[in-house]
Amino acid sequence: RQTFFSRVLKRENTIPEEIIMGVEDKSNHPPGSPEGGTWGTVKYVGSTTQIYACLGCLCLGVPGLLVLCCPQDEKDGYAVNGKVYDAAGTQLGNATDVKFVPERRPVATGSKYETEEEAEEE
């Protein structure tokens, strides 16, 4: 017969070794997605956009639904190999189908440029 304490001790032994040993996953990509991509933001039709669409319909009628063509909600996204993933690793779609905006990387401090893109242009 198992006692309460033997079950608790057995549960403690199921902790992943990475947590016990303090090993961290140093990769900077969502789980289930390949490495080598770019972080940015994804615009999507969420609750804010839907509220604007409802208000647009109340004020303008059916043309108020045009708000749905310009999503107002944003979340973190990761683009790699032509696919876009959210921070949890769920594939959102192809890069051509999703409104993905890559993050602008800052250059080293003391530079006259604000981003790497500006430095590369010259």
Foldseek 3Di string as FASTA:
>chain_A
DDDPVVVVVVVVVPPDPCVVVVPDDPADAAPPDDGDWFKFKWFAADDVLVVQLVVLCVVPNPVSNCSRVPGDDMAMWIDDPQWIAGNNGHTPGGPVVIRTDTDFDADDPPDPDGGPVVVVVD
